[in-house]
PDB file of N, CA and C in Angstrom:
ATOM      1  N   MET A   1      -2.294  -0.701  15.700  1.00  0.00           N
ATOM      2  CA  MET A   1      -0.868  -0.529  15.804  1.00  0.00           C
ATOM      3  C   MET A   1      -0.221  -0.383  14.434  1.00  0.00           C
ATOM      4  N   ILE A   2      -0.648  -1.200  13.487  1.00  0.00           N
ATOM      5  CA  ILE A   2      -0.101  -1.112  12.140  1.00  0.00           C
ATOM      6  C   ILE A   2      -0.474   0.219  11.504  1.00  0.00           C
ATOM      7  N   ASN A   3      -1.710   0.672  11.739  1.00  0.00           N
ATOM      8  CA  ASN A   3      -2.122   1.956  11.174  1.00  0.00           C
ATOM      9  C   ASN A   3      -1.259   3.092  11.714  1.00  0.00           C
ATOM     10  N   THR A   4      -0.910   3.041  12.973  1.00  0.00           N
ATOM     11  CA  THR A   4      -0.069   4.076  13.564  1.00  0.00           C
ATOM     12  C   THR A   4       1.310   4.073  12.921  1.00  0.00           C
ATOM     13  N   ILE A   5       1.874   2.896  12.724  1.00  0.00           N
ATOM     14  CA  ILE A   5       3.189   2.804  12.096  1.00  0.00           C
ATOM     15  C   ILE A   5       3.129   3.299  10.657  1.00  0.00           C
ATOM     16  N   LEU A   6       2.066   2.959   9.938  1.00  0.00           N
ATOM     17  CA  LEU A   6       1.938   3.416   8.555  1.00  0.00           C
ATOM     18  C   LEU A   6       1.802   4.936   8.482  1.00  0.00           C
ATOM     19  N   ILE A   7       1.048   5.516   9.392  1.00  0.00           N
ATOM     20  CA  ILE A   7       0.903   6.975   9.406  1.00  0.00           C
ATOM     21  C   ILE A   7       2.243   7.633   9.720  1.00  0.00           C
ATOM     22  N   LEU A   8       2.980   7.072  10.694  1.00  0.00           N
ATOM     23  CA  LEU A   8       4.300   7.622  11.018  1.00  0.00           C
ATOM     24  C   LEU A   8       5.272   7.464   9.849  1.00  0.00           C
ATOM     25  N   MET A   9       5.150   6.392   9.096  1.00  0.00           N
ATOM     26  CA  MET A   9       6.020   6.212   7.932  1.00  0.00           C
ATOM     27  C   MET A   9       5.707   7.229   6.843  1.00  0.00           C
ATOM     28  N   VAL A  10       4.440   7.557   6.649  1.00  0.00           N
ATOM     29  CA  VAL A  10       4.076   8.577   5.660  1.00  0.00           C
ATOM     30  C   VAL A  10       4.606   9.944   6.090  1.00  0.00           C
ATOM     31  N   ILE A  11       4.480  10.269   7.378  1.00  0.00           N
ATOM     32  CA  ILE A  11       5.005  11.537   7.888  1.00  0.00           C
ATOM     33  C   ILE A  11       6.526  11.575   7.729  1.00  0.00           C
ATOM     34  N   ALA A  12       7.201  10.454   8.035  1.00  0.00           N
ATOM     35  CA  ALA A  12       8.655  10.392   7.880  1.00  0.00           C
ATOM     36  C   ALA A  12       9.060  10.550   6.419  1.00  0.00           C
ATOM     37  N   ALA A  13       8.276   9.991   5.506  1.00  0.00           N
ATOM     38  CA  ALA A  13       8.586  10.125   4.085  1.00  0.00           C
ATOM     39  C   ALA A  13       8.455  11.581   3.636  1.00  0.00           C
ATOM     40  N   LEU A  14       7.409  12.260   4.111  1.00  0.00           N
ATOM     41  CA  LEU A  14       7.245  13.675   3.753  1.00  0.00           C
ATOM     42  C   LEU A  14       8.369  14.519   4.340  1.00  0.00           C
ATOM     43  N   LEU A  15       8.749  14.253   5.587  1.00  0.00           N
ATOM     44  CA  LEU A  15       9.860  14.989   6.198  1.00  0.00           C
ATOM     45  C   LEU A  15      11.177  14.669   5.500  1.00  0.00           C
ATOM     46  N   LEU A  16      11.344  13.448   5.042  1.00  0.00           N
ATOM     47  CA  LEU A  16      12.542  13.075   4.302  1.00  0.00           C
ATOM     48  C   LEU A  16      12.641  13.869   3.004  1.00  0.00           C
ATOM     49  N   ILE A  17      11.529  14.052   2.329  1.00  0.00           N
ATOM     50  CA  ILE A  17      11.513  14.850   1.098  1.00  0.00           C
ATOM     51  C   ILE A  17      11.947  16.281   1.395  1.00  0.00           C
ATOM     52  N   VAL A  18      11.398  16.858   2.466  1.00  0.00           N
ATOM     53  CA  VAL A  18      11.733  18.233   2.827  1.00  0.00           C
ATOM     54  C   VAL A  18      13.213  18.353   3.182  1.00  0.00           C
ATOM     55  N   VAL A  19      13.729  17.414   3.981  1.00  0.00           N
ATOM     56  CA  VAL A  19      15.130  17.470   4.405  1.00  0.00           C
ATOM     57  C   VAL A  19      16.060  17.329   3.201  1.00  0.00           C
ATOM     58  N   ILE A  20      15.725  16.468   2.263  1.00  0.00           N
ATOM     59  CA  ILE A  20      16.570  16.289   1.082  1.00  0.00           C
ATOM     60  C   ILE A  20      16.564  17.550   0.226  1.00  0.00           C
ATOM     61  N   LEU A  21      15.415  18.181   0.088  1.00  0.00           N
ATOM     62  CA  LEU A  21      15.350  19.391  -0.726  1.00  0.00           C
ATOM     63  C   LEU A  21      16.095  20.560  -0.086  1.00  0.00           C
ATOM     64  N   VAL A  22      16.191  20.590   1.242  1.00  0.00           N
ATOM     65  CA  VAL A  22      16.865  21.685   1.935  1.00  0.00           C
ATOM     66  C   VAL A  22      18.383  21.529   1.893  1.00  0.00           C
ATOM     67  N   GLN A  23      18.874  20.309   1.754  1.00  0.00           N
ATOM     68  CA  GLN A  23      20.314  20.055   1.827  1.00  0.00           C
ATOM     69  C   GLN A  23      21.068  20.755   0.709  1.00  0.00           C
ATOM     70  N   ASN A  24      22.315  21.060   1.009  1.00  0.00           N
ATOM     71  CA  ASN A  24      23.222  21.655   0.038  1.00  0.00           C
ATOM     72  C   ASN A  24      23.794  20.544  -0.834  1.00  0.00           C
ATOM     73  N   PRO A  25      23.621  20.619  -2.141  1.00  0.00           N
ATOM     74  CA  PRO A  25      24.158  19.554  -2.992  1.00  0.00           C
ATOM     75  C   PRO A  25      25.684  19.585  -2.991  1.00  0.00           C
ATOM     76  N   LYS A  26      26.296  18.423  -2.871  1.00  0.00           N
ATOM     77  CA  LYS A  26      27.754  18.359  -2.774  1.00  0.00           C
ATOM     78  C   LYS A  26      28.431  18.425  -4.142  1.00  0.00           C
ATOM     79  N   GLY A  27      27.748  18.013  -5.181  1.00  0.00           N
ATOM     80  CA  GLY A  27      28.370  17.974  -6.494  1.00  0.00           C
ATOM     81  C   GLY A  27      28.062  19.184  -7.351  1.00  0.00           C
ATOM     82  N   GLY A  28      27.441  20.180  -6.832  1.00  0.00           N
ATOM     83  CA  GLY A  28      27.084  21.337  -7.638  1.00  0.00           C
ATOM     84  C   GLY A  28      25.701  21.164  -8.216  1.00  0.00           C
ATOM     85  N   GLY A  29      25.569  20.303  -9.174  1.00  0.00           N
ATOM     86  CA  GLY A  29      24.273  20.006  -9.779  1.00  0.00           C
ATOM     87  C   GLY A  29      23.629  21.232 -10.389  1.00  0.00           C
ATOM     88  N   LEU A  30      22.339  21.354 -10.255  1.00  0.00           N
ATOM     89  CA  LEU A  30      21.610  22.473 -10.840  1.00  0.00           C
ATOM     90  C   LEU A  30      21.845  23.778 -10.096  1.00  0.00           C
ATOM     91  N   SER A  31      22.203  23.701  -8.813  1.00  0.00           N
ATOM     92  CA  SER A  31      22.395  24.937  -8.056  1.00  0.00           C
ATOM     93  C   SER A  31      23.572  25.741  -8.602  1.00  0.00           C
ATOM     94  N   SER A  32      24.585  25.084  -9.126  1.00  0.00           N
ATOM     95  CA  SER A  32      25.717  25.819  -9.689  1.00  0.00           C
ATOM     96  C   SER A  32      25.346  26.450 -11.023  1.00  0.00           C
ATOM     97  N   GLU A  33      24.372  25.913 -11.709  1.00  0.00           N
ATOM     98  CA  GLU A  33      23.943  26.474 -12.987  1.00  0.00           C
ATOM     99  C   GLU A  33      23.084  27.717 -12.802  1.00  0.00           C
ATOM    100  N   PHE A  34      22.337  27.796 -11.705  1.00  0.00           N
ATOM    101  CA  PHE A  34      21.400  28.895 -11.499  1.00  0.00           C
ATOM    102  C   PHE A  34      21.826  29.833 -10.382  1.00  0.00           C
ATOM    103  N   GLY A  35      23.039  30.227 -10.313  1.00  0.00           N
ATOM    104  CA  GLY A  35      23.418  31.223  -9.324  1.00  0.00           C
ATOM    105  C   GLY A  35      24.579  30.819  -8.471  1.00  0.00           C
ATOM    106  N   GLY A  36      24.900  29.582  -8.394  1.00  0.00           N
ATOM    107  CA  GLY A  36      26.095  29.098  -7.736  1.00  0.00           C
ATOM    108  C   GLY A  36      26.303  29.553  -6.313  1.00  0.00           C
ATOM    109  N   GLY A  37      27.040  30.656  -6.116  1.00  0.00           N
ATOM    110  CA  GLY A  37      27.493  31.080  -4.803  1.00  0.00           C
ATOM    111  C   GLY A  37      26.400  31.498  -3.850  1.00  0.00           C
ATOM    112  N   ALA A  38      25.313  32.053  -4.312  1.00  0.00           N
ATOM    113  CA  ALA A  38      24.260  32.548  -3.421  1.00  0.00           C
ATOM    114  C   ALA A  38      23.548  31.408  -2.708  1.00  0.00           C
ATOM    115  N   THR A  39      23.423  30.273  -3.352  1.00  0.00           N
ATOM    116  CA  THR A  39      22.697  29.169  -2.737  1.00  0.00           C
ATOM    117  C   THR A  39      23.570  28.362  -1.784  1.00  0.00           C
ATOM    118  N   SER A  40      24.896  28.469  -1.907  1.00  0.00           N
ATOM    119  CA  SER A  40      25.759  27.656  -1.053  1.00  0.00           C
ATOM    120  C   SER A  40      25.818  28.168   0.376  1.00  0.00           C
ATOM    121  N   GLN A  41      25.444  29.409   0.630  1.00  0.00           N
ATOM    122  CA  GLN A  41      25.493  29.982   1.973  1.00  0.00           C
ATOM    123  C   GLN A  41      24.095  30.189   2.550  1.00  0.00           C
ATOM    124  N   MET A  42      23.162  29.276   2.255  1.00  0.00           N
ATOM    125  CA  MET A  42      21.787  29.443   2.713  1.00  0.00           C
ATOM    126  C   MET A  42      21.718  29.465   4.238  1.00  0.00           C
ATOM    127  N   PHE A  43      22.393  28.542   4.902  1.00  0.00           N
ATOM    128  CA  PHE A  43      22.351  28.487   6.354  1.00  0.00           C
ATOM    129  C   PHE A  43      23.549  29.186   6.982  1.00  0.00           C
ATOM    130  N   GLY A  44      24.632  29.277   6.266  1.00  0.00           N
ATOM    131  CA  GLY A  44      25.794  29.983   6.759  1.00  0.00           C
ATOM    132  C   GLY A  44      26.683  29.180   7.690  1.00  0.00           C
ATOM    133  N   VAL A  45      26.303  28.000   8.108  1.00  0.00           N
ATOM    134  CA  VAL A  45      27.080  27.202   9.047  1.00  0.00           C
ATOM    135  C   VAL A  45      27.247  25.806   8.461  1.00  0.00           C
ATOM    136  N   GLN A  46      28.433  25.250   8.608  1.00  0.00           N
ATOM    137  CA  GLN A  46      28.699  23.916   8.101  1.00  0.00           C
ATOM    138  C   GLN A  46      27.993  22.842   8.927  1.00  0.00           C
ATOM    139  N   LYS A  47      27.758  23.069  10.204  1.00  0.00           N
ATOM    140  CA  LYS A  47      27.141  22.073  11.085  1.00  0.00           C
ATOM    141  C   LYS A  47      25.704  21.762  10.678  1.00  0.00           C
ATOM    142  N   THR A  48      25.035  22.692  10.048  1.00  0.00           N
ATOM    143  CA  THR A  48      23.657  22.447   9.625  1.00  0.00           C
ATOM    144  C   THR A  48      23.602  21.300   8.624  1.00  0.00           C
ATOM    145  N   GLY A  49      24.593  21.223   7.756  1.00  0.00           N
ATOM    146  CA  GLY A  49      24.652  20.122   6.798  1.00  0.00           C
ATOM    147  C   GLY A  49      24.777  18.778   7.493  1.00  0.00           C
ATOM    148  N   ASP A  50      25.538  18.732   8.585  1.00  0.00           N
ATOM    149  CA  ASP A  50      25.679  17.482   9.330  1.00  0.00           C
ATOM    150  C   ASP A  50      24.350  17.065   9.956  1.00  0.00           C
ATOM    151  N   ILE A  51      23.628  18.027  10.496  1.00  0.00           N
ATOM    152  CA  ILE A  51      22.324  17.720  11.114  1.00  0.00           C
ATOM    153  C   ILE A  51      21.352  17.218  10.060  1.00  0.00           C
ATOM    154  N   LEU A  52      21.329  17.875   8.904  1.00  0.00           N
ATOM    155  CA  LEU A  52      20.410  17.457   7.841  1.00  0.00           C
ATOM    156  C   LEU A  52      20.775  16.071   7.309  1.00  0.00           C
ATOM    157  N   GLU A  53      22.068  15.774   7.250  1.00  0.00           N
ATOM    158  CA  GLU A  53      22.475  14.445   6.791  1.00  0.00           C
ATOM    159  C   GLU A  53      22.061  13.374   7.796  1.00  0.00           C
ATOM    160  N   LYS A  54      22.209  13.662   9.083  1.00  0.00           N
ATOM    161  CA  LYS A  54      21.784  12.703  10.110  1.00  0.00           C
ATOM    162  C   LYS A  54      20.268  12.517  10.090  1.00  0.00           C
ATOM    163  N   LEU A  55      19.525  13.606   9.881  1.00  0.00           N
ATOM    164  CA  LEU A  55      18.060  13.483   9.764  1.00  0.00           C
ATOM    165  C   LEU A  55      17.677  12.646   8.552  1.00  0.00           C
ATOM    166  N   THR A  56      18.380  12.833   7.442  1.00  0.00           N
ATOM    167  CA  THR A  56      18.093  12.052   6.235  1.00  0.00           C
ATOM    168  C   THR A  56      18.276  10.566   6.499  1.00  0.00           C
ATOM    169  N   TRP A  57      19.408  10.197   7.105  1.00  0.00           N
ATOM    170  CA  TRP A  57      19.651   8.786   7.401  1.00  0.00           C
ATOM    171  C   TRP A  57      18.675   8.257   8.450  1.00  0.00           C
ATOM    172  N   GLY A  58      18.296   9.092   9.399  1.00  0.00           N
ATOM    173  CA  GLY A  58      17.343   8.654  10.422  1.00  0.00           C
ATOM    174  C   GLY A  58      15.967   8.372   9.848  1.00  0.00           C
ATOM    175  N   PHE A  59      15.469   9.282   9.011  1.00  0.00           N
ATOM    176  CA  PHE A  59      14.153   9.072   8.390  1.00  0.00           C
ATOM    177  C   PHE A  59      14.194   7.861   7.457  1.00  0.00           C
ATOM    178  N   PHE A  60      15.287   7.735   6.709  1.00  0.00           N
ATOM    179  CA  PHE A  60      15.434   6.596   5.804  1.00  0.00           C
ATOM    180  C   PHE A  60      15.420   5.280   6.581  1.00  0.00           C
ATOM    181  N   THR A  61      16.175   5.235   7.671  1.00  0.00           N
ATOM    182  CA  THR A  61      16.236   4.026   8.495  1.00  0.00           C
ATOM    183  C   THR A  61      14.875   3.694   9.096  1.00  0.00           C
ATOM    184  N   PHE A  62      14.157   4.722   9.566  1.00  0.00           N
ATOM    185  CA  PHE A  62      12.830   4.497  10.141  1.00  0.00           C
ATOM    186  C   PHE A  62      11.877   3.912   9.101  1.00  0.00           C
ATOM    187  N   ILE A  63      11.926   4.420   7.880  1.00  0.00           N
ATOM    188  CA  ILE A  63      11.027   3.921   6.830  1.00  0.00           C
ATOM    189  C   ILE A  63      11.361   2.468   6.489  1.00  0.00           C
ATOM    190  N   ILE A  64      12.647   2.137   6.381  1.00  0.00           N
ATOM    191  CA  ILE A  64      13.039   0.765   6.045  1.00  0.00           C
ATOM    192  C   ILE A  64      12.664  -0.207   7.172  1.00  0.00           C
ATOM    193  N   VAL A  65      13.000   0.157   8.406  1.00  0.00           N
ATOM    194  CA  VAL A  65      12.690  -0.731   9.545  1.00  0.00           C
ATOM    195  C   VAL A  65      11.174  -0.863   9.718  1.00  0.00           C
ATOM    196  N   GLY A  66      10.445   0.240   9.553  1.00  0.00           N
ATOM    197  CA  GLY A  66       8.988   0.181   9.653  1.00  0.00           C
ATOM    198  C   GLY A  66       8.371  -0.701   8.584  1.00  0.00           C
ATOM    199  N   SER A  67       8.918  -0.639   7.374  1.00  0.00           N
ATOM    200  CA  SER A  67       8.413  -1.492   6.289  1.00  0.00           C
ATOM    201  C   SER A  67       8.660  -2.966   6.581  1.00  0.00           C
ATOM    202  N   LEU A  68       9.857  -3.274   7.061  1.00  0.00           N
ATOM    203  CA  LEU A  68      10.162  -4.669   7.391  1.00  0.00           C
ATOM    204  C   LEU A  68       9.293  -5.172   8.542  1.00  0.00           C
ATOM    205  N   PHE A  69       9.130  -4.353   9.573  1.00  0.00           N
ATOM    206  CA  PHE A  69       8.301  -4.739  10.714  1.00  0.00           C
ATOM    207  C   PHE A  69       6.852  -4.967  10.290  1.00  0.00           C
ATOM    208  N   THR A  70       6.328  -4.054   9.478  1.00  0.00           N
ATOM    209  CA  THR A  70       4.942  -4.185   9.021  1.00  0.00           C
ATOM    210  C   THR A  70       4.764  -5.452   8.192  1.00  0.00           C
ATOM    211  N   GLY A  71       5.723  -5.737   7.313  1.00  0.00           N
ATOM    212  CA  GLY A  71       5.634  -6.951   6.495  1.00  0.00           C
ATOM    213  C   GLY A  71       5.683  -8.213   7.335  1.00  0.00           C
ATOM    214  N   LEU A  72       6.587  -8.255   8.295  1.00  0.00           N
ATOM    215  CA  LEU A  72       6.677  -9.435   9.158  1.00  0.00           C
ATOM    216  C   LEU A  72       5.446  -9.584  10.039  1.00  0.00           C
ATOM    217  N   TYR A  73       4.941  -8.469  10.561  1.00  0.00           N
ATOM    218  CA  TYR A  73       3.747  -8.527  11.415  1.00  0.00           C
ATOM    219  C   TYR A  73       2.538  -9.018  10.626  1.00  0.00           C
ATOM    220  N   LEU A  74       2.360  -8.511   9.421  1.00  0.00           N
ATOM    221  CA  LEU A  74       1.207  -8.944   8.612  1.00  0.00           C
ATOM    222  C   LEU A  74       1.361 -10.393   8.168  1.00  0.00           C
ATOM    223  N   GLN A  75       2.597 -10.831   7.909  1.00  0.00           N
ATOM    224  CA  GLN A  75       2.814 -12.230   7.539  1.00  0.00           C
ATOM    225  C   GLN A  75       2.493 -13.150   8.711  1.00  0.00           C
ATOM    226  N   ASN A  76       2.888 -12.767   9.927  1.00  0.00           N
ATOM    227  CA  ASN A  76       2.580 -13.575  11.104  1.00  0.00           C
ATOM    228  C   ASN A  76       1.079 -13.573  11.393  1.00  0.00           C
ATOM    229  N   ALA A  77       0.413 -12.452  11.178  1.00  0.00           N
ATOM    230  CA  ALA A  77      -1.032 -12.387  11.387  1.00  0.00           C
ATOM    231  C   ALA A  77      -1.762 -13.263  10.376  1.00  0.00           C
ATOM    232  N   GLN A  78      -1.234 -13.331   9.166  1.00  0.00           N
ATOM    233  CA  GLN A  78      -1.859 -14.157   8.131  1.00  0.00           C
ATOM    234  C   GLN A  78      -1.714 -15.632   8.458  1.00  0.00           C
ATOM    235  N   THR A  79      -0.556 -16.067   8.919  1.00  0.00           N
ATOM    236  CA  THR A  79      -0.373 -17.484   9.236  1.00  0.00           C
ATOM    237  C   THR A  79      -1.131 -17.866  10.501  1.00  0.00           C
ATOM    238  N   ALA A  80      -1.349 -16.909  11.405  1.00  0.00           N
ATOM    239  CA  ALA A  80      -2.095 -17.205  12.625  1.00  0.00           C
ATOM    240  C   ALA A  80      -3.564 -17.471  12.318  1.00  0.00           C
ATOM    241  N   THR A  81      -4.131 -16.719  11.376  1.00  0.00           N
ATOM    242  CA  THR A  81      -5.530 -16.930  11.019  1.00  0.00           C
ATOM    243  C   THR A  81      -5.694 -18.087  10.052  1.00  0.00           C
ATOM    244  N   GLY A  82      -4.637 -18.394   9.308  1.00  0.00           N
ATOM    245  CA  GLY A  82      -4.717 -19.510   8.375  1.00  0.00           C
ATOM    246  C   GLY A  82      -5.399 -19.166   7.075  1.00  0.00           C
ATOM    247  N   ASN A  83      -5.766 -17.924   6.869  1.00  0.00           N
ATOM    248  CA  ASN A  83      -6.455 -17.531   5.651  1.00  0.00           C
ATOM    249  C   ASN A  83      -6.070 -16.102   5.333  1.00  0.00           C
ATOM    250  N   SER A  84      -5.893 -15.842   4.081  1.00  0.00           N
ATOM    251  CA  SER A  84      -5.552 -14.497   3.636  1.00  0.00           C
ATOM    252  C   SER A  84      -6.762 -13.873   2.967  1.00  0.00           C
ATOM    253  N   ALA A  85      -6.919 -12.578   3.129  1.00  0.00           N
ATOM    254  CA  ALA A  85      -8.023 -11.882   2.473  1.00  0.00           C
ATOM    255  C   ALA A  85      -7.827 -11.866   0.969  1.00  0.00           C
ATOM    256  N   LEU A  86      -6.565 -11.987   0.521  1.00  0.00           N
ATOM    257  CA  LEU A  86      -6.296 -11.976  -0.911  1.00  0.00           C
ATOM    258  C   LEU A  86      -6.410 -13.359  -1.542  1.00  0.00           C
ATOM    259  N   ASP A  87      -6.492 -14.393  -0.738  1.00  0.00           N
ATOM    260  CA  ASP A  87      -6.603 -15.744  -1.252  1.00  0.00           C
ATOM    261  C   ASP A  87      -8.061 -16.032  -1.576  1.00  0.00           C
ATOM    262  N   VAL A  88      -8.474 -15.694  -2.776  1.00  0.00           N
ATOM    263  CA  VAL A  88      -9.879 -15.760  -3.154  1.00  0.00           C
ATOM    264  C   VAL A  88     -10.346 -17.200  -3.299  1.00  0.00           C
ATOM    265  N   GLU A  89      -9.481 -18.059  -3.814  1.00  0.00           N
ATOM    266  CA  GLU A  89      -9.906 -19.429  -4.067  1.00  0.00           C
ATOM    267  C   GLU A  89     -10.283 -20.169  -2.791  1.00  0.00           C
ATOM    268  N   SER A  90      -9.520 -19.974  -1.723  1.00  0.00           N
ATOM    269  CA  SER A  90      -9.827 -20.710  -0.508  1.00  0.00           C
ATOM    270  C   SER A  90     -10.872 -20.006   0.348  1.00  0.00           C
ATOM    271  N   SER A  91     -11.075 -18.706   0.122  1.00  0.00           N
ATOM    272  CA  SER A  91     -12.039 -17.998   0.962  1.00  0.00           C
ATOM    273  C   SER A  91     -13.462 -18.090   0.422  1.00  0.00           C
ATOM    274  N   GLN A  92     -13.632 -18.457  -0.848  1.00  0.00           N
ATOM    275  CA  GLN A  92     -14.978 -18.583  -1.409  1.00  0.00           C
ATOM    276  C   GLN A  92     -15.385 -20.054  -1.415  1.00  0.00           C
ATOM    277  N   ALA A  93     -16.668 -20.279  -1.171  1.00  0.00           N
ATOM    278  CA  ALA A  93     -17.196 -21.644  -1.207  1.00  0.00           C
ATOM    279  C   ALA A  93     -17.333 -22.085  -2.663  1.00  0.00           C
ATOM    280  N   ALA A  94     -17.244 -23.374  -2.876  1.00  0.00           N
ATOM    281  CA  ALA A  94     -17.401 -23.902  -4.226  1.00  0.00           C
ATOM    282  C   ALA A  94     -18.842 -23.710  -4.674  1.00  0.00           C
ATOM    283  N   PRO A  95     -19.054 -23.384  -5.935  1.00  0.00           N
ATOM    284  CA  PRO A  95     -20.434 -23.200  -6.407  1.00  0.00           C
ATOM    285  C   PRO A  95     -21.192 -24.526  -6.379  1.00  0.00           C
ATOM    286  N   ALA A  96     -22.476 -24.432  -6.142  1.00  0.00           N
ATOM    287  CA  ALA A  96     -23.317 -25.630  -6.090  1.00  0.00           C
ATOM    288  C   ALA A  96     -23.451 -26.211  -7.494  1.00  0.00           C
ATOM    289  N   ALA A  97     -23.600 -27.535  -7.544  1.00  0.00           N
ATOM    290  CA  ALA A  97     -23.766 -28.201  -8.834  1.00  0.00           C
ATOM    291  C   ALA A  97     -25.106 -27.781  -9.433  1.00  0.00           C
ATOM    292  N   PRO A  98     -25.121 -27.512 -10.733  1.00  0.00           N
ATOM    293  CA  PRO A  98     -26.386 -27.088 -11.358  1.00  0.00           C
ATOM    294  C   PRO A  98     -27.396 -28.232 -11.349  1.00  0.00           C
ATOM    295  N   THR A  99     -28.635 -27.880 -11.107  1.00  0.00           N
ATOM    296  CA  THR A  99     -29.700 -28.894 -11.118  1.00  0.00           C
ATOM    297  C   THR A  99     -30.385 -28.857 -12.469  1.00  0.00           C
ATOM    298  N   LEU A 100     -30.615 -30.027 -12.989  1.00  0.00           N
ATOM    299  CA  LEU A 100     -31.278 -30.117 -14.282  1.00  0.00           C
ATOM    300  C   LEU A 100     -32.783 -30.032 -14.085  1.00  0.00           C
ATOM    301  N   PRO A 101     -33.486 -29.364 -15.023  1.00  0.00           N
ATOM    302  CA  PRO A 101     -34.951 -29.268 -14.879  1.00  0.00           C
ATOM    303  C   PRO A 101     -35.603 -30.635 -15.064  1.00  0.00           C
ATOM    304  N   SER A 102     -36.626 -30.866 -14.310  1.00  0.00           N
ATOM    305  CA  SER A 102     -37.342 -32.137 -14.364  1.00  0.00           C
ATOM    306  C   SER A 102     -38.306 -32.127 -15.543  1.00  0.00           C
ATOM    307  N   THR A 103     -38.430 -33.260 -16.215  1.00  0.00           N
ATOM    308  CA  THR A 103     -39.338 -33.350 -17.364  1.00  0.00           C
ATOM    309  C   THR A 103     -40.750 -33.710 -16.938  1.00  0.00           C
ATOM    310  N   THR A 104     -40.895 -34.252 -15.743  1.00  0.00           N
ATOM    311  CA  THR A 104     -42.231 -34.575 -15.267  1.00  0.00           C
ATOM    312  C   THR A 104     -42.724 -33.436 -14.389  1.00  0.00           C
ATOM    313  N   PRO A 105     -43.993 -33.075 -14.525  1.00  0.00           N
ATOM    314  CA  PRO A 105     -44.503 -31.989 -13.693  1.00  0.00           C
ATOM    315  C   PRO A 105     -44.584 -32.414 -12.236  1.00  0.00           C
ATOM    316  N   ALA A 106     -44.429 -31.456 -11.380  1.00  0.00           N
ATOM    317  CA  ALA A 106     -44.511 -31.730  -9.952  1.00  0.00           C
ATOM    318  C   ALA A 106     -45.930 -32.125  -9.592  1.00  0.00           C
ATOM    319  N   PRO A 107     -46.106 -32.952  -8.556  1.00  0.00           N
ATOM    320  CA  PRO A 107     -47.472 -33.360  -8.191  1.00  0.00           C
ATOM    321  C   PRO A 107     -48.297 -32.147  -7.755  1.00  0.00           C
ATOM    322  N   GLY A 108     -49.530 -32.142  -8.169  1.00  0.00           N
ATOM    323  CA  GLY A 108     -50.445 -31.066  -7.813  1.00  0.00           C
ATOM    324  C   GLY A 108     -50.494 -29.971  -8.859  1.00  0.00           C
ATOM    325  N   LEU A 109     -49.619 -30.024  -9.820  1.00  0.00           N
ATOM    326  CA  LEU A 109     -49.634 -29.016 -10.877  1.00  0.00           C
ATOM    327  C   LEU A 109     -50.310 -29.603 -12.103  1.00  0.00           C
ATOM    328  N   THR A 110     -50.996 -28.781 -12.812  1.00  0.00           N
ATOM    329  CA  THR A 110     -51.672 -29.243 -14.030  1.00  0.00           C
ATOM    330  C   THR A 110     -50.834 -28.874 -15.233  1.00  0.00           C
ATOM    331  N   ALA A 111     -51.141 -29.528 -16.328  1.00  0.00           N
ATOM    332  CA  ALA A 111     -50.419 -29.252 -17.562  1.00  0.00           C
ATOM    333  C   ALA A 111     -50.823 -27.881 -18.076  1.00  0.00           C
ATOM    334  N   PRO A 112     -49.945 -27.197 -18.747  1.00  0.00           N
ATOM    335  CA  PRO A 112     -50.289 -25.860 -19.260  1.00  0.00           C
ATOM    336  C   PRO A 112     -51.410 -25.938 -20.291  1.00  0.00           C
ATOM    337  N   ILE A 113     -52.220 -24.918 -20.292  1.00  0.00           N
ATOM    338  CA  ILE A 113     -53.343 -24.858 -21.236  1.00  0.00           C
ATOM    339  C   ILE A 113     -52.836 -24.304 -22.543  1.00  0.00           C
ATOM    340  N   GLU A 114     -53.192 -25.041 -23.620  1.00  0.00           N
ATOM    341  CA  GLU A 114     -52.737 -24.596 -24.938  1.00  0.00           C
ATOM    342  C   GLU A 114     -53.825 -23.758 -25.565  1.00  0.00           C
ATOM    343  N   ALA A 115     -53.393 -22.784 -26.344  1.00  0.00           N
ATOM    344  CA  ALA A 115     -54.364 -21.910 -27.039  1.00  0.00           C
ATOM    345  C   ALA A 115     -54.950 -22.684 -28.228  1.00  0.00           C
ATOM    346  N   PRO A 116     -56.248 -22.465 -28.498  1.00  0.00           N
ATOM    347  CA  PRO A 116     -56.842 -23.178 -29.634  1.00  0.00           C
ATOM    348  C   PRO A 116     -56.278 -22.696 -30.961  1.00  0.00           C
ATOM    349  N   ALA A 117     -56.138 -23.615 -31.871  1.00  0.00           N
ATOM    350  CA  ALA A 117     -55.588 -23.284 -33.188  1.00  0.00           C
ATOM    351  C   ALA A 117     -56.642 -22.616 -34.018  1.00  0.00           C
ATOM    352  N   GLU A 118     -56.319 -21.632 -34.779  1.00  0.00           N
ATOM    353  CA  GLU A 118     -57.310 -20.908 -35.611  1.00  0.00           C
ATOM    354  C   GLU A 118     -57.363 -21.396 -37.001  1.00  0.00           C
TER     355      GLU A 118
END
């Protein structure tokens, strides 16, 4: 379920980029510097701007609500399990205490053979 919401949020973000780039800038901006009048009549109808503005707010709202829902869902899933995958200290076992080597040989083993001195 979370993967589906994340995929839909990525698609909404890409569509939001496209809708913002298609919109007619209200303050002039760069479009007035590079041709002005020709770009202002791209769609020819004022209602198209209203639709694009509503789509912009809709995609924006979906991304914000989806982000909040995903965060709350993952937080509830984390408290339900009682352990987080990112909590390394509690998820790893404590290392075993180092054992010191014994100075006496184990039973059944013989002492090492020394090479004769020349």
